[in-house]
N, C-alpha and C. Protein backbone atom coordinates (compact mmCIF):
# COMPACT_ATOMS: atom_id res chain seq x y z
N UNK A 1 49.13 -14.87 -6.60
CA UNK A 1 49.82 -16.14 -6.67
C UNK A 1 49.10 -17.03 -7.67
N UNK A 2 49.89 -17.90 -8.28
CA UNK A 2 49.36 -18.80 -9.30
C UNK A 2 49.82 -20.21 -9.00
N UNK A 3 48.88 -21.14 -9.00
CA UNK A 3 49.25 -22.53 -8.70
C UNK A 3 49.98 -23.16 -9.87
N UNK A 4 51.02 -23.91 -9.54
CA UNK A 4 51.73 -24.72 -10.53
C UNK A 4 52.67 -23.93 -11.42
N UNK A 5 53.75 -24.59 -11.78
CA UNK A 5 54.67 -24.03 -12.76
C UNK A 5 54.08 -24.20 -14.14
N UNK A 6 53.42 -25.31 -14.31
CA UNK A 6 52.68 -25.61 -15.51
C UNK A 6 51.32 -26.03 -15.03
N UNK A 7 50.36 -26.10 -15.91
CA UNK A 7 49.01 -26.46 -15.49
C UNK A 7 49.00 -27.81 -14.78
N UNK A 8 48.65 -27.80 -13.51
CA UNK A 8 48.51 -29.04 -12.77
C UNK A 8 49.80 -29.75 -12.42
N UNK A 9 50.94 -29.10 -12.53
CA UNK A 9 52.21 -29.78 -12.27
C UNK A 9 52.31 -30.23 -10.81
N UNK A 10 53.19 -31.20 -10.59
CA UNK A 10 53.43 -31.70 -9.25
C UNK A 10 54.92 -31.78 -8.99
N UNK A 11 55.29 -31.64 -7.75
CA UNK A 11 56.70 -31.69 -7.35
C UNK A 11 56.84 -32.66 -6.19
N UNK A 12 58.01 -33.26 -6.10
CA UNK A 12 58.34 -34.12 -4.97
C UNK A 12 59.73 -33.76 -4.49
N UNK A 13 59.89 -33.63 -3.20
CA UNK A 13 61.19 -33.39 -2.57
C UNK A 13 61.43 -34.49 -1.57
N UNK A 14 62.61 -35.07 -1.66
CA UNK A 14 62.99 -36.12 -0.73
C UNK A 14 64.28 -35.69 -0.05
N UNK A 15 64.28 -35.67 1.26
CA UNK A 15 65.50 -35.43 2.02
C UNK A 15 65.88 -36.77 2.64
N UNK A 16 67.14 -37.16 2.45
CA UNK A 16 67.58 -38.43 2.98
C UNK A 16 68.92 -38.32 3.69
N UNK A 17 69.09 -39.15 4.68
CA UNK A 17 70.38 -39.28 5.35
C UNK A 17 70.96 -40.62 4.93
N UNK A 18 72.02 -40.54 4.10
CA UNK A 18 72.68 -41.75 3.62
C UNK A 18 73.45 -42.36 4.79
N UNK A 19 73.32 -43.68 4.97
CA UNK A 19 74.06 -44.36 6.02
C UNK A 19 75.56 -44.22 5.77
N UNK A 20 76.32 -43.97 6.81
CA UNK A 20 77.76 -43.69 6.69
C UNK A 20 78.58 -44.81 6.09
N UNK A 21 78.18 -46.05 6.28
CA UNK A 21 79.00 -47.18 5.82
C UNK A 21 78.85 -47.47 4.33
N UNK A 22 77.98 -46.75 3.62
CA UNK A 22 77.79 -46.98 2.19
C UNK A 22 78.96 -46.40 1.40
N UNK A 23 79.59 -47.20 0.53
CA UNK A 23 80.68 -46.68 -0.31
C UNK A 23 80.15 -45.61 -1.27
N UNK A 24 80.88 -44.50 -1.45
CA UNK A 24 80.43 -43.42 -2.35
C UNK A 24 80.11 -43.90 -3.77
N UNK A 25 80.88 -44.84 -4.30
CA UNK A 25 80.60 -45.31 -5.67
C UNK A 25 79.27 -46.06 -5.74
N UNK A 26 78.90 -46.74 -4.67
CA UNK A 26 77.62 -47.44 -4.63
C UNK A 26 76.47 -46.44 -4.60
N UNK A 27 76.61 -45.38 -3.81
CA UNK A 27 75.58 -44.34 -3.74
C UNK A 27 75.46 -43.65 -5.09
N UNK A 28 76.59 -43.36 -5.73
CA UNK A 28 76.58 -42.72 -7.05
C UNK A 28 75.82 -43.59 -8.06
N UNK A 29 76.03 -44.89 -8.01
CA UNK A 29 75.34 -45.80 -8.93
C UNK A 29 73.84 -45.84 -8.65
N UNK A 30 73.45 -45.83 -7.39
CA UNK A 30 72.03 -45.80 -7.04
C UNK A 30 71.37 -44.52 -7.53
N UNK A 31 72.06 -43.39 -7.39
CA UNK A 31 71.51 -42.11 -7.84
C UNK A 31 71.40 -42.10 -9.37
N UNK A 32 72.39 -42.64 -10.07
CA UNK A 32 72.32 -42.72 -11.54
C UNK A 32 71.11 -43.54 -11.98
N UNK A 33 70.87 -44.66 -11.32
CA UNK A 33 69.72 -45.49 -11.70
C UNK A 33 68.41 -44.75 -11.43
N UNK A 34 68.38 -43.95 -10.36
CA UNK A 34 67.18 -43.17 -10.06
C UNK A 34 66.99 -42.08 -11.11
N UNK A 35 68.09 -41.47 -11.55
CA UNK A 35 68.04 -40.43 -12.58
C UNK A 35 67.43 -40.98 -13.87
N UNK A 36 67.69 -42.23 -14.16
CA UNK A 36 67.18 -42.87 -15.37
C UNK A 36 65.66 -42.99 -15.39
N UNK A 37 65.01 -42.83 -14.24
CA UNK A 37 63.56 -42.94 -14.20
C UNK A 37 62.88 -41.90 -15.09
N UNK A 38 63.53 -40.75 -15.30
CA UNK A 38 62.95 -39.71 -16.16
C UNK A 38 62.70 -40.25 -17.57
N UNK A 39 63.55 -41.13 -18.05
CA UNK A 39 63.37 -41.69 -19.39
C UNK A 39 62.44 -42.90 -19.40
N UNK A 40 62.09 -43.41 -18.24
CA UNK A 40 61.25 -44.61 -18.16
C UNK A 40 59.80 -44.34 -17.75
N UNK A 41 59.56 -43.22 -17.07
CA UNK A 41 58.23 -42.93 -16.54
C UNK A 41 57.75 -41.62 -17.18
N UNK A 42 56.84 -41.69 -18.16
CA UNK A 42 56.45 -40.52 -18.95
C UNK A 42 56.03 -39.27 -18.16
N UNK A 43 55.23 -39.36 -17.08
CA UNK A 43 54.84 -38.12 -16.40
C UNK A 43 55.96 -37.46 -15.59
N UNK A 44 57.09 -38.17 -15.41
CA UNK A 44 58.23 -37.59 -14.68
C UNK A 44 59.03 -36.75 -15.67
N UNK A 45 59.09 -35.46 -15.43
CA UNK A 45 59.68 -34.54 -16.40
C UNK A 45 61.11 -34.10 -16.07
N UNK A 46 61.50 -34.15 -14.80
CA UNK A 46 62.85 -33.71 -14.42
C UNK A 46 63.24 -34.32 -13.09
N UNK A 47 64.55 -34.46 -12.90
CA UNK A 47 65.10 -34.96 -11.63
C UNK A 47 66.40 -34.22 -11.36
N UNK A 48 66.56 -33.73 -10.15
CA UNK A 48 67.78 -33.06 -9.70
C UNK A 48 68.12 -33.59 -8.31
N UNK A 49 69.37 -33.53 -7.97
CA UNK A 49 69.77 -33.95 -6.63
C UNK A 49 71.00 -33.15 -6.21
N UNK A 50 71.29 -33.16 -4.91
CA UNK A 50 72.48 -32.51 -4.40
C UNK A 50 72.75 -32.94 -2.97
N UNK A 51 73.97 -32.63 -2.55
CA UNK A 51 74.39 -32.91 -1.17
C UNK A 51 74.18 -31.66 -0.33
N UNK A 52 73.93 -31.87 0.95
CA UNK A 52 73.73 -30.75 1.87
C UNK A 52 74.98 -29.89 1.94
N UNK A 53 74.79 -28.59 1.82
CA UNK A 53 75.87 -27.61 2.00
C UNK A 53 75.41 -26.52 2.97
N UNK A 54 74.61 -26.93 3.93
CA UNK A 54 73.97 -26.01 4.86
C UNK A 54 74.96 -25.12 5.60
N UNK A 55 74.71 -23.86 5.54
CA UNK A 55 75.50 -22.88 6.29
C UNK A 55 74.87 -22.68 7.66
N UNK A 56 73.55 -22.84 7.72
CA UNK A 56 72.81 -22.60 8.96
C UNK A 56 72.82 -23.81 9.90
N UNK A 57 73.32 -24.95 9.41
CA UNK A 57 73.39 -26.17 10.20
C UNK A 57 72.01 -26.59 10.74
N UNK A 58 70.99 -26.47 9.88
CA UNK A 58 69.63 -26.86 10.27
C UNK A 58 69.18 -28.11 9.51
N UNK A 59 70.11 -28.88 9.00
CA UNK A 59 69.82 -30.03 8.15
C UNK A 59 69.30 -31.24 8.92
N UNK A 60 69.41 -31.25 10.22
CA UNK A 60 68.94 -32.33 11.08
C UNK A 60 69.53 -33.69 10.68
N UNK A 61 70.73 -33.66 10.11
CA UNK A 61 71.42 -34.90 9.75
C UNK A 61 71.15 -35.36 8.33
N UNK A 62 70.22 -34.73 7.62
CA UNK A 62 69.95 -35.12 6.24
C UNK A 62 71.14 -34.73 5.39
N UNK A 63 71.58 -35.63 4.53
CA UNK A 63 72.80 -35.43 3.75
C UNK A 63 72.54 -35.12 2.28
N UNK A 64 71.40 -35.55 1.76
CA UNK A 64 71.09 -35.40 0.34
C UNK A 64 69.65 -34.93 0.14
N UNK A 65 69.42 -34.25 -0.98
CA UNK A 65 68.06 -33.89 -1.38
C UNK A 65 67.86 -34.31 -2.83
N UNK A 66 66.67 -34.81 -3.11
CA UNK A 66 66.30 -35.28 -4.44
C UNK A 66 65.00 -34.58 -4.84
N UNK A 67 64.98 -33.99 -6.03
CA UNK A 67 63.82 -33.24 -6.50
C UNK A 67 63.31 -33.84 -7.80
N UNK A 68 62.01 -34.06 -7.87
CA UNK A 68 61.39 -34.56 -9.09
C UNK A 68 60.25 -33.65 -9.48
N UNK A 69 60.09 -33.44 -10.79
CA UNK A 69 58.99 -32.64 -11.33
C UNK A 69 58.14 -33.55 -12.21
N UNK A 70 56.83 -33.39 -12.07
CA UNK A 70 55.87 -34.22 -12.80
C UNK A 70 54.92 -33.34 -13.59
N UNK A 71 54.36 -33.89 -14.67
CA UNK A 71 53.45 -33.11 -15.50
C UNK A 71 52.14 -32.80 -14.79
N UNK A 72 51.80 -33.61 -13.78
CA UNK A 72 50.54 -33.40 -13.07
C UNK A 72 50.59 -34.13 -11.73
N UNK A 73 49.66 -33.79 -10.87
CA UNK A 73 49.54 -34.49 -9.60
C UNK A 73 49.17 -35.95 -9.86
N UNK A 74 48.32 -36.18 -10.86
CA UNK A 74 47.96 -37.54 -11.23
C UNK A 74 49.18 -38.32 -11.71
N UNK A 75 50.10 -37.63 -12.40
CA UNK A 75 51.32 -38.25 -12.87
C UNK A 75 52.20 -38.72 -11.72
N UNK A 76 52.12 -38.01 -10.60
CA UNK A 76 52.88 -38.42 -9.41
C UNK A 76 52.39 -39.78 -8.92
N UNK A 77 51.08 -39.98 -8.97
CA UNK A 77 50.51 -41.27 -8.55
C UNK A 77 50.96 -42.38 -9.50
N UNK A 78 51.02 -42.06 -10.79
CA UNK A 78 51.48 -43.05 -11.77
C UNK A 78 52.94 -43.42 -11.50
N UNK A 79 53.76 -42.43 -11.18
CA UNK A 79 55.18 -42.63 -10.87
C UNK A 79 55.35 -43.54 -9.66
N UNK A 80 54.59 -43.27 -8.60
CA UNK A 80 54.74 -44.03 -7.35
C UNK A 80 54.49 -45.52 -7.57
N UNK A 81 53.53 -45.86 -8.43
CA UNK A 81 53.19 -47.27 -8.64
C UNK A 81 53.91 -47.89 -9.84
N UNK A 82 54.68 -47.10 -10.57
CA UNK A 82 55.37 -47.62 -11.76
C UNK A 82 56.42 -48.65 -11.32
N UNK A 83 56.49 -49.81 -12.00
CA UNK A 83 57.45 -50.86 -11.60
C UNK A 83 58.91 -50.39 -11.56
N UNK A 84 59.31 -49.49 -12.46
CA UNK A 84 60.70 -49.00 -12.44
C UNK A 84 60.98 -48.18 -11.18
N UNK A 85 59.99 -47.39 -10.73
CA UNK A 85 60.15 -46.62 -9.49
C UNK A 85 60.19 -47.55 -8.29
N UNK A 86 59.28 -48.52 -8.27
CA UNK A 86 59.23 -49.46 -7.15
C UNK A 86 60.57 -50.18 -7.01
N UNK A 87 61.12 -50.63 -8.14
CA UNK A 87 62.41 -51.33 -8.12
C UNK A 87 63.53 -50.41 -7.63
N UNK A 88 63.58 -49.18 -8.17
CA UNK A 88 64.63 -48.23 -7.76
C UNK A 88 64.51 -47.89 -6.27
N UNK A 89 63.30 -47.66 -5.81
CA UNK A 89 63.09 -47.32 -4.40
C UNK A 89 63.48 -48.48 -3.49
N UNK A 90 63.14 -49.69 -3.90
CA UNK A 90 63.50 -50.87 -3.08
C UNK A 90 65.01 -51.07 -3.00
N UNK A 91 65.75 -50.64 -4.02
CA UNK A 91 67.21 -50.73 -3.98
C UNK A 91 67.81 -49.59 -3.16
N UNK A 92 67.21 -48.41 -3.24
CA UNK A 92 67.79 -47.20 -2.64
C UNK A 92 67.45 -47.02 -1.16
N UNK A 93 66.19 -47.25 -0.80
CA UNK A 93 65.74 -46.96 0.56
C UNK A 93 66.53 -47.68 1.66
N UNK A 94 66.98 -48.92 1.48
CA UNK A 94 67.75 -49.56 2.54
C UNK A 94 69.08 -48.85 2.85
N UNK A 95 69.54 -47.96 1.98
CA UNK A 95 70.79 -47.24 2.19
C UNK A 95 70.58 -45.91 2.92
N UNK A 96 69.33 -45.62 3.25
CA UNK A 96 69.02 -44.38 3.96
C UNK A 96 68.76 -44.66 5.43
N UNK A 97 69.37 -43.86 6.27
CA UNK A 97 69.13 -43.98 7.71
C UNK A 97 67.80 -43.35 8.08
N UNK A 98 67.47 -42.24 7.40
CA UNK A 98 66.17 -41.61 7.58
C UNK A 98 65.82 -40.87 6.30
N UNK A 99 64.52 -40.65 6.12
CA UNK A 99 64.03 -40.03 4.89
C UNK A 99 62.73 -39.28 5.19
N UNK A 100 62.52 -38.20 4.46
CA UNK A 100 61.25 -37.49 4.50
C UNK A 100 60.88 -37.16 3.06
N UNK A 101 59.61 -37.36 2.72
CA UNK A 101 59.13 -37.11 1.36
C UNK A 101 58.01 -36.08 1.43
N UNK A 102 58.11 -35.05 0.60
CA UNK A 102 57.08 -34.03 0.49
C UNK A 102 56.63 -33.96 -0.97
N UNK A 103 55.37 -34.27 -1.22
CA UNK A 103 54.78 -34.13 -2.54
C UNK A 103 53.87 -32.92 -2.49
N UNK A 104 53.93 -32.07 -3.51
CA UNK A 104 53.11 -30.87 -3.47
C UNK A 104 52.85 -30.32 -4.87
N UNK A 105 51.88 -29.45 -4.94
CA UNK A 105 51.57 -28.72 -6.16
C UNK A 105 52.11 -27.31 -5.94
N UNK A 106 53.13 -26.90 -6.71
CA UNK A 106 53.76 -25.60 -6.46
C UNK A 106 52.85 -24.42 -6.78
N UNK A 107 53.09 -23.36 -6.05
CA UNK A 107 52.40 -22.09 -6.27
C UNK A 107 53.42 -21.05 -6.63
N UNK A 108 53.27 -20.45 -7.81
CA UNK A 108 54.19 -19.40 -8.26
C UNK A 108 53.80 -18.08 -7.63
N UNK A 109 54.78 -17.29 -7.26
CA UNK A 109 54.55 -15.97 -6.68
C UNK A 109 55.01 -14.94 -7.69
N UNK A 110 54.14 -14.05 -8.09
CA UNK A 110 54.50 -12.99 -9.02
C UNK A 110 54.51 -11.67 -8.26
N UNK A 111 55.64 -11.00 -8.26
CA UNK A 111 55.77 -9.73 -7.55
C UNK A 111 55.58 -8.57 -8.49
């Protein structure tokens, strides 16, 4: 096994349950603004998101997942304190009923 996709890379996964009363267009706009962070925060290299399509029904009510890739674990710390992230998080978090965040350094498996 080999640590990281790239030397020292970091990943963040966020699972969130969007509150039911939020209009879909409002959620779409919040996600678009979050997507824009990739162009505003240099160590943030990629952002992906999707809605739950669980076949196993083990989602525990979480409706969305958000994935971010960073150039390094240190870059993750820079992202967390960056004013653009703080602003986006302060706008987005009130629309979530529950959330879980996992930050990690990926390990590649070579078979």
